PDB file of N, CA and C in Angstrom:
ATOM      1  N   MET A   1      12.321  22.400 -12.006  1.00  0.00           N
ATOM      2  CA  MET A   1      12.334  20.910 -12.073  1.00  0.00           C
ATOM      3  C   MET A   1      11.228  20.526 -11.091  1.00  0.00           C
ATOM      4  N   SER A   2      10.341  19.645 -11.456  1.00  0.00           N
ATOM      5  CA  SER A   2       9.319  19.163 -10.540  1.00  0.00           C
ATOM      6  C   SER A   2       9.812  18.140  -9.555  1.00  0.00           C
ATOM      7  N   ALA A   3       9.111  17.896  -8.587  1.00  0.00           N
ATOM      8  CA  ALA A   3       9.525  16.926  -7.468  1.00  0.00           C
ATOM      9  C   ALA A   3       9.516  15.533  -8.128  1.00  0.00           C
ATOM     10  N   SER A   4       8.612  15.203  -9.043  1.00  0.00           N
ATOM     11  CA  SER A   4       8.491  13.891  -9.541  1.00  0.00           C
ATOM     12  C   SER A   4       9.609  13.575 -10.538  1.00  0.00           C
ATOM     13  N   SER A   5      10.156  14.688 -11.185  1.00  0.00           N
ATOM     14  CA  SER A   5      11.260  14.356 -12.171  1.00  0.00           C
ATOM     15  C   SER A   5      12.599  14.333 -11.609  1.00  0.00           C
ATOM     16  N   ARG A   6      12.706  14.735 -10.318  1.00  0.00           N
ATOM     17  CA  ARG A   6      14.019  14.714  -9.661  1.00  0.00           C
ATOM     18  C   ARG A   6      14.453  13.256  -9.309  1.00  0.00           C
ATOM     19  N   ARG A   7      15.723  12.927  -9.391  1.00  0.00           N
ATOM     20  CA  ARG A   7      16.164  11.624  -9.041  1.00  0.00           C
ATOM     21  C   ARG A   7      16.225  11.523  -7.548  1.00  0.00           C
ATOM     22  N   GLN A   8      15.769  10.341  -7.134  1.00  0.00           N
ATOM     23  CA  GLN A   8      15.816  10.067  -5.627  1.00  0.00           C
ATOM     24  C   GLN A   8      16.862   9.016  -5.332  1.00  0.00           C
ATOM     25  N   PRO A   9      17.399   9.048  -4.186  1.00  0.00           N
ATOM     26  CA  PRO A   9      18.396   8.007  -3.811  1.00  0.00           C
ATOM     27  C   PRO A   9      17.767   6.641  -3.846  1.00  0.00           C
ATOM     28  N   SER A  10      18.546   5.610  -4.016  1.00  0.00           N
ATOM     29  CA  SER A  10      18.003   4.260  -4.150  1.00  0.00           C
ATOM     30  C   SER A  10      17.393   3.739  -2.852  1.00  0.00           C
ATOM     31  N   PHE A  11      17.780   4.368  -1.759  1.00  0.00           N
ATOM     32  CA  PHE A  11      17.183   3.857  -0.456  1.00  0.00           C
ATOM     33  C   PHE A  11      15.907   4.537  -0.138  1.00  0.00           C
ATOM     34  N   VAL A  12      15.380   5.425  -0.923  1.00  0.00           N
ATOM     35  CA  VAL A  12      14.074   6.087  -0.721  1.00  0.00           C
ATOM     36  C   VAL A  12      12.951   5.261  -1.234  1.00  0.00           C
ATOM     37  N   ARG A  13      11.977   4.962  -0.443  1.00  0.00           N
ATOM     38  CA  ARG A  13      10.769   4.323  -0.836  1.00  0.00           C
ATOM     39  C   ARG A  13       9.566   5.129  -0.515  1.00  0.00           C
ATOM     40  N   TRP A  14       8.510   5.069  -1.424  1.00  0.00           N
ATOM     41  CA  TRP A  14       7.293   5.804  -1.158  1.00  0.00           C
ATOM     42  C   TRP A  14       6.225   4.895  -0.733  1.00  0.00           C
ATOM     43  N   VAL A  15       5.452   5.334   0.265  1.00  0.00           N
ATOM     44  CA  VAL A  15       4.285   4.664   0.770  1.00  0.00           C
ATOM     45  C   VAL A  15       3.035   5.554   0.483  1.00  0.00           C
ATOM     46  N   ASP A  16       2.131   5.158  -0.302  1.00  0.00           N
ATOM     47  CA  ASP A  16       1.096   5.937  -0.781  1.00  0.00           C
ATOM     48  C   ASP A  16      -0.036   6.057   0.262  1.00  0.00           C
ATOM     49  N   VAL A  17       0.068   6.877   1.224  1.00  0.00           N
ATOM     50  CA  VAL A  17      -0.879   7.054   2.297  1.00  0.00           C
ATOM     51  C   VAL A  17      -2.101   7.817   1.674  1.00  0.00           C
ATOM     52  N   ASP A  18      -1.889   8.724   0.694  1.00  0.00           N
ATOM     53  CA  ASP A  18      -2.972   9.455   0.108  1.00  0.00           C
ATOM     54  C   ASP A  18      -3.929   8.546  -0.531  1.00  0.00           C
ATOM     55  N   ARG A  19      -3.501   7.453  -1.136  1.00  0.00           N
ATOM     56  CA  ARG A  19      -4.489   6.514  -1.690  1.00  0.00           C
ATOM     57  C   ARG A  19      -5.302   5.862  -0.660  1.00  0.00           C
ATOM     58  N   LEU A  20      -4.657   5.467   0.472  1.00  0.00           N
ATOM     59  CA  LEU A  20      -5.482   4.863   1.580  1.00  0.00           C
ATOM     60  C   LEU A  20      -6.408   5.843   2.090  1.00  0.00           C
ATOM     61  N   ALA A  21      -6.050   7.097   2.251  1.00  0.00           N
ATOM     62  CA  ALA A  21      -7.044   8.152   2.681  1.00  0.00           C
ATOM     63  C   ALA A  21      -8.172   8.330   1.721  1.00  0.00           C
ATOM     64  N   ALA A  22      -7.908   8.239   0.416  1.00  0.00           N
ATOM     65  CA  ALA A  22      -8.980   8.341  -0.580  1.00  0.00           C
ATOM     66  C   ALA A  22      -9.888   7.008  -0.493  1.00  0.00           C
ATOM     67  N   ARG A  23      -9.314   5.982  -0.288  1.00  0.00           N
ATOM     68  CA  ARG A  23     -10.136   4.681  -0.205  1.00  0.00           C
ATOM     69  C   ARG A  23     -11.027   4.706   0.997  1.00  0.00           C
ATOM     70  N   VAL A  24     -10.611   5.201   2.169  1.00  0.00           N
ATOM     71  CA  VAL A  24     -11.560   5.178   3.323  1.00  0.00           C
ATOM     72  C   VAL A  24     -12.416   6.457   3.343  1.00  0.00           C
ATOM     73  N   GLY A  25     -12.014   7.415   2.561  1.00  0.00           N
ATOM     74  CA  GLY A  25     -12.715   8.672   2.530  1.00  0.00           C
ATOM     75  C   GLY A  25     -11.997   9.735   3.340  1.00  0.00           C
ATOM     76  N   ARG A  26     -11.673  10.838   2.711  1.00  0.00           N
ATOM     77  CA  ARG A  26     -10.822  11.790   3.281  1.00  0.00           C
ATOM     78  C   ARG A  26     -11.560  12.448   4.573  1.00  0.00           C
ATOM     79  N   GLN A  27     -12.842  12.606   4.455  1.00  0.00           N
ATOM     80  CA  GLN A  27     -13.517  13.135   5.634  1.00  0.00           C
ATOM     81  C   GLN A  27     -13.530  12.216   6.817  1.00  0.00           C
ATOM     82  N   ASN A  28     -13.370  10.881   6.596  1.00  0.00           N
ATOM     83  CA  ASN A  28     -13.218   9.852   7.649  1.00  0.00           C
ATOM     84  C   ASN A  28     -11.787   9.738   8.086  1.00  0.00           C
ATOM     85  N   TRP A  29     -10.873  10.017   7.188  1.00  0.00           N
ATOM     86  CA  TRP A  29      -9.469   9.839   7.501  1.00  0.00           C
ATOM     87  C   TRP A  29      -8.949  10.717   8.618  1.00  0.00           C
ATOM     88  N   HIS A  30      -9.391  11.942   8.530  1.00  0.00           N
ATOM     89  CA  HIS A  30      -8.877  12.922   9.572  1.00  0.00           C
ATOM     90  C   HIS A  30      -9.682  12.982  10.857  1.00  0.00           C
ATOM     91  N   ASP A  31      -8.968  13.099  11.909  1.00  0.00           N
ATOM     92  CA  ASP A  31      -9.592  13.333  13.194  1.00  0.00           C
ATOM     93  C   ASP A  31      -8.908  14.565  13.849  1.00  0.00           C
ATOM     94  N   LEU A  32      -9.711  15.711  13.678  1.00  0.00           N
ATOM     95  CA  LEU A  32      -9.101  17.003  14.099  1.00  0.00           C
ATOM     96  C   LEU A  32      -8.762  17.070  15.601  1.00  0.00           C
ATOM     97  N   ARG A  33      -9.648  16.433  16.353  1.00  0.00           N
ATOM     98  CA  ARG A  33      -9.353  16.496  17.822  1.00  0.00           C
ATOM     99  C   ARG A  33      -8.092  15.776  18.193  1.00  0.00           C
ATOM    100  N   LEU A  34      -7.753  14.639  17.579  1.00  0.00           N
ATOM    101  CA  LEU A  34      -6.476  13.997  17.815  1.00  0.00           C
ATOM    102  C   LEU A  34      -5.323  14.675  17.135  1.00  0.00           C
ATOM    103  N   TYR A  35      -5.584  15.351  15.996  1.00  0.00           N
ATOM    104  CA  TYR A  35      -4.450  16.064  15.347  1.00  0.00           C
ATOM    105  C   TYR A  35      -4.058  17.190  16.325  1.00  0.00           C
ATOM    106  N   HIS A  36      -4.993  17.931  16.813  1.00  0.00           N
ATOM    107  CA  HIS A  36      -4.605  19.061  17.657  1.00  0.00           C
ATOM    108  C   HIS A  36      -4.118  18.597  19.014  1.00  0.00           C
ATOM    109  N   HIS A  37      -4.467  17.509  19.504  1.00  0.00           N
ATOM    110  CA  HIS A  37      -4.033  17.033  20.786  1.00  0.00           C
ATOM    111  C   HIS A  37      -2.647  16.313  20.674  1.00  0.00           C
ATOM    112  N   ALA A  38      -2.467  15.446  19.670  1.00  0.00           N
ATOM    113  CA  ALA A  38      -1.311  14.569  19.627  1.00  0.00           C
ATOM    114  C   ALA A  38      -0.618  14.719  18.346  1.00  0.00           C
ATOM    115  N   ARG A  39      -1.049  15.516  17.413  1.00  0.00           N
ATOM    116  CA  ARG A  39      -0.431  15.659  16.036  1.00  0.00           C
ATOM    117  C   ARG A  39      -0.546  14.309  15.296  1.00  0.00           C
ATOM    118  N   LEU A  40      -1.582  13.512  15.582  1.00  0.00           N
ATOM    119  CA  LEU A  40      -1.816  12.319  14.852  1.00  0.00           C
ATOM    120  C   LEU A  40      -2.526  12.699  13.562  1.00  0.00           C
ATOM    121  N   GLY A  41      -1.953  12.354  12.396  1.00  0.00           N
ATOM    122  CA  GLY A  41      -2.462  12.818  11.150  1.00  0.00           C
ATOM    123  C   GLY A  41      -3.683  11.991  10.559  1.00  0.00           C
ATOM    124  N   PHE A  42      -4.117  11.048  11.259  1.00  0.00           N
ATOM    125  CA  PHE A  42      -5.305  10.272  10.808  1.00  0.00           C
ATOM    126  C   PHE A  42      -5.997   9.675  11.981  1.00  0.00           C
ATOM    127  N   SER A  43      -7.262   9.181  11.818  1.00  0.00           N
ATOM    128  CA  SER A  43      -8.116   8.683  12.769  1.00  0.00           C
ATOM    129  C   SER A  43      -7.511   7.293  13.223  1.00  0.00           C
ATOM    130  N   PRO A  44      -7.407   7.042  14.545  1.00  0.00           N
ATOM    131  CA  PRO A  44      -6.828   5.819  14.976  1.00  0.00           C
ATOM    132  C   PRO A  44      -7.617   4.567  14.594  1.00  0.00           C
ATOM    133  N   ARG A  45      -8.890   4.663  14.154  1.00  0.00           N
ATOM    134  CA  ARG A  45      -9.595   3.542  13.698  1.00  0.00           C
ATOM    135  C   ARG A  45      -9.000   2.945  12.400  1.00  0.00           C
ATOM    136  N   PHE A  46      -8.175   3.731  11.687  1.00  0.00           N
ATOM    137  CA  PHE A  46      -7.524   3.271  10.472  1.00  0.00           C
ATOM    138  C   PHE A  46      -6.162   2.774  10.695  1.00  0.00           C
ATOM    139  N   LEU A  47      -5.760   2.641  11.918  1.00  0.00           N
ATOM    140  CA  LEU A  47      -4.408   2.186  12.302  1.00  0.00           C
ATOM    141  C   LEU A  47      -4.070   0.826  11.683  1.00  0.00           C
ATOM    142  N   PRO A  48      -5.022  -0.164  11.751  1.00  0.00           N
ATOM    143  CA  PRO A  48      -4.731  -1.460  11.031  1.00  0.00           C
ATOM    144  C   PRO A  48      -4.386  -1.346   9.576  1.00  0.00           C
ATOM    145  N   GLU A  49      -5.171  -0.587   8.850  1.00  0.00           N
ATOM    146  CA  GLU A  49      -4.931  -0.403   7.513  1.00  0.00           C
ATOM    147  C   GLU A  49      -3.631   0.296   7.162  1.00  0.00           C
ATOM    148  N   TYR A  50      -3.337   1.292   8.078  1.00  0.00           N
ATOM    149  CA  TYR A  50      -2.100   2.082   7.909  1.00  0.00           C
ATOM    150  C   TYR A  50      -0.869   1.130   8.205  1.00  0.00           C
ATOM    151  N   THR A  51      -0.971   0.329   9.261  1.00  0.00           N
ATOM    152  CA  THR A  51       0.154  -0.543   9.462  1.00  0.00           C
ATOM    153  C   THR A  51       0.373  -1.593   8.492  1.00  0.00           C
ATOM    154  N   GLN A  52      -0.643  -2.091   7.910  1.00  0.00           N
ATOM    155  CA  GLN A  52      -0.576  -3.046   6.771  1.00  0.00           C
ATOM    156  C   GLN A  52       0.045  -2.415   5.613  1.00  0.00           C
ATOM    157  N   LEU A  53      -0.251  -1.119   5.314  1.00  0.00           N
ATOM    158  CA  LEU A  53       0.365  -0.410   4.198  1.00  0.00           C
ATOM    159  C   LEU A  53       1.864  -0.233   4.392  1.00  0.00           C
ATOM    160  N   LEU A  54       2.269   0.181   5.721  1.00  0.00           N
ATOM    161  CA  LEU A  54       3.663   0.331   5.988  1.00  0.00           C
ATOM    162  C   LEU A  54       4.446  -1.017   6.039  1.00  0.00           C
ATOM    163  N   ALA A  55       3.764  -2.092   6.469  1.00  0.00           N
ATOM    164  CA  ALA A  55       4.383  -3.409   6.479  1.00  0.00           C
ATOM    165  C   ALA A  55       4.602  -3.808   5.014  1.00  0.00           C
ATOM    166  N   ALA A  56       3.753  -3.591   4.088  1.00  0.00           N
ATOM    167  CA  ALA A  56       3.832  -3.973   2.677  1.00  0.00           C
ATOM    168  C   ALA A  56       5.028  -3.185   2.073  1.00  0.00           C
ATOM    169  N   GLY A  57       5.089  -1.843   2.351  1.00  0.00           N
ATOM    170  CA  GLY A  57       6.251  -1.040   1.988  1.00  0.00           C
ATOM    171  C   GLY A  57       7.512  -1.519   2.478  1.00  0.00           C
ATOM    172  N   LEU A  58       7.580  -1.925   3.768  1.00  0.00           N
ATOM    173  CA  LEU A  58       8.806  -2.421   4.364  1.00  0.00           C
ATOM    174  C   LEU A  58       9.270  -3.747   3.716  1.00  0.00           C
ATOM    175  N   ARG A  59       8.282  -4.654   3.460  1.00  0.00           N
ATOM    176  CA  ARG A  59       8.636  -5.944   2.782  1.00  0.00           C
ATOM    177  C   ARG A  59       9.182  -5.671   1.401  1.00  0.00           C
ATOM    178  N   SER A  60       8.525  -4.729   0.733  1.00  0.00           N
ATOM    179  CA  SER A  60       9.044  -4.475  -0.604  1.00  0.00           C
ATOM    180  C   SER A  60      10.450  -3.812  -0.561  1.00  0.00           C
ATOM    181  N   ALA A  61      10.679  -2.911   0.371  1.00  0.00           N
ATOM    182  CA  ALA A  61      11.986  -2.386   0.451  1.00  0.00           C
ATOM    183  C   ALA A  61      13.119  -3.397   0.810  1.00  0.00           C
ATOM    184  N   LEU A  62      12.762  -4.358   1.529  1.00  0.00           N
ATOM    185  CA  LEU A  62      13.679  -5.370   2.091  1.00  0.00           C
ATOM    186  C   LEU A  62      13.803  -6.569   1.122  1.00  0.00           C
ATOM    187  N   GLY A  63      12.894  -6.534   0.077  1.00  0.00           N
ATOM    188  CA  GLY A  63      12.987  -7.658  -0.960  1.00  0.00           C
ATOM    189  C   GLY A  63      12.305  -8.863  -0.410  1.00  0.00           C
ATOM    190  N   LYS A  64      11.377  -8.733   0.480  1.00  0.00           N
ATOM    191  CA  LYS A  64      10.653  -9.926   1.068  1.00  0.00           C
ATOM    192  C   LYS A  64       9.372 -10.244   0.444  1.00  0.00           C
ATOM    193  N   THR A  65       9.022  -9.623  -0.701  1.00  0.00           N
ATOM    194  CA  THR A  65       7.661  -9.878  -1.340  1.00  0.00           C
ATOM    195  C   THR A  65       7.865 -11.102  -2.185  1.00  0.00           C
ATOM    196  N   LYS A  66       6.806 -11.846  -2.365  1.00  0.00           N
ATOM    197  CA  LYS A  66       6.825 -13.048  -3.103  1.00  0.00           C
ATOM    198  C   LYS A  66       5.892 -12.884  -4.293  1.00  0.00           C
ATOM    199  N   LYS A  67       6.426 -13.248  -5.451  1.00  0.00           N
ATOM    200  CA  LYS A  67       5.617 -13.090  -6.580  1.00  0.00           C
ATOM    201  C   LYS A  67       5.624 -14.359  -7.353  1.00  0.00           C
ATOM    202  N   ALA A  68       4.603 -14.654  -8.003  1.00  0.00           N
ATOM    203  CA  ALA A  68       4.507 -15.931  -8.834  1.00  0.00           C
ATOM    204  C   ALA A  68       3.696 -15.634 -10.068  1.00  0.00           C
ATOM    205  N   LEU A  69       4.164 -16.108 -11.184  1.00  0.00           N
ATOM    206  CA  LEU A  69       3.495 -16.129 -12.438  1.00  0.00           C
ATOM    207  C   LEU A  69       3.372 -17.483 -12.934  1.00  0.00           C
ATOM    208  N   ILE A  70       2.167 -18.001 -12.876  1.00  0.00           N
ATOM    209  CA  ILE A  70       1.886 -19.367 -13.250  1.00  0.00           C
ATOM    210  C   ILE A  70       1.163 -19.420 -14.551  1.00  0.00           C
ATOM    211  N   LEU A  71       1.689 -20.054 -15.537  1.00  0.00           N
ATOM    212  CA  LEU A  71       1.006 -20.131 -16.836  1.00  0.00           C
ATOM    213  C   LEU A  71       0.754 -21.646 -17.128  1.00  0.00           C
ATOM    214  N   ASP A  72      -0.423 -21.872 -17.724  1.00  0.00           N
ATOM    215  CA  ASP A  72      -0.812 -23.222 -18.098  1.00  0.00           C
ATOM    216  C   ASP A  72      -1.149 -23.096 -19.601  1.00  0.00           C
ATOM    217  N   LEU A  73      -0.177 -22.991 -20.452  1.00  0.00           N
ATOM    218  CA  LEU A  73      -0.467 -22.739 -21.847  1.00  0.00           C
ATOM    219  C   LEU A  73      -1.048 -24.032 -22.615  1.00  0.00           C
ATOM    220  N   ASP A  74      -0.724 -25.187 -22.024  1.00  0.00           N
ATOM    221  CA  ASP A  74      -1.277 -26.372 -22.740  1.00  0.00           C
ATOM    222  C   ASP A  74      -2.408 -27.097 -21.980  1.00  0.00           C
ATOM    223  N   ASN A  75      -2.980 -26.347 -20.955  1.00  0.00           N
ATOM    224  CA  ASN A  75      -4.109 -26.873 -20.177  1.00  0.00           C
ATOM    225  C   ASN A  75      -3.888 -28.172 -19.511  1.00  0.00           C
ATOM    226  N   THR A  76      -2.661 -28.517 -19.075  1.00  0.00           N
ATOM    227  CA  THR A  76      -2.392 -29.793 -18.375  1.00  0.00           C
ATOM    228  C   THR A  76      -2.751 -29.578 -16.955  1.00  0.00           C
ATOM    229  N   LEU A  77      -2.689 -28.381 -16.309  1.00  0.00           N
ATOM    230  CA  LEU A  77      -2.972 -28.267 -14.936  1.00  0.00           C
ATOM    231  C   LEU A  77      -4.430 -28.189 -14.582  1.00  0.00           C
ATOM    232  N   TRP A  78      -5.225 -27.315 -15.368  1.00  0.00           N
ATOM    233  CA  TRP A  78      -6.602 -27.042 -15.066  1.00  0.00           C
ATOM    234  C   TRP A  78      -7.570 -27.640 -16.052  1.00  0.00           C
ATOM    235  N   GLY A  79      -7.087 -28.233 -17.156  1.00  0.00           N
ATOM    236  CA  GLY A  79      -7.985 -28.778 -18.183  1.00  0.00           C
ATOM    237  C   GLY A  79      -8.850 -27.649 -18.727  1.00  0.00           C
ATOM    238  N   GLY A  80      -8.428 -26.446 -18.715  1.00  0.00           N
ATOM    239  CA  GLY A  80      -9.171 -25.342 -19.323  1.00  0.00           C
ATOM    240  C   GLY A  80     -10.155 -24.702 -18.406  1.00  0.00           C
ATOM    241  N   ILE A  81     -10.301 -25.205 -17.158  1.00  0.00           N
ATOM    242  CA  ILE A  81     -11.202 -24.578 -16.245  1.00  0.00           C
ATOM    243  C   ILE A  81     -10.367 -24.148 -15.026  1.00  0.00           C
ATOM    244  N   ILE A  82     -10.402 -22.838 -14.713  1.00  0.00           N
ATOM    245  CA  ILE A  82      -9.659 -22.242 -13.591  1.00  0.00           C
ATOM    246  C   ILE A  82     -10.510 -22.379 -12.364  1.00  0.00           C
ATOM    247  N   GLY A  83     -11.760 -22.006 -12.426  1.00  0.00           N
ATOM    248  CA  GLY A  83     -12.576 -22.095 -11.179  1.00  0.00           C
ATOM    249  C   GLY A  83     -13.997 -21.897 -11.489  1.00  0.00           C
ATOM    250  N   ARG A  84     -14.933 -22.382 -10.617  1.00  0.00           N
ATOM    251  CA  ARG A  84     -16.337 -22.195 -10.892  1.00  0.00           C
ATOM    252  C   ARG A  84     -16.957 -21.486  -9.727  1.00  0.00           C
TER     253      ARG A  84
END
């Protein structure tokens, strides 16, 4: 059975740090000096992005995210023009 096909408890949430590392570049993501010194798994210059990712995961887990789907099917709000 693969790890992705196993059932996980409802309280488990995933935060995709690998996607963040790919976005900033894996060669930039790692700082071997700090890894060996403090076991820090990434360069501290990406700490703001990392904390934003964790905060988004926490908001999602706590149900604090806000979503809106606004439809204007009869063009009464925008008159057919959304933006220029």
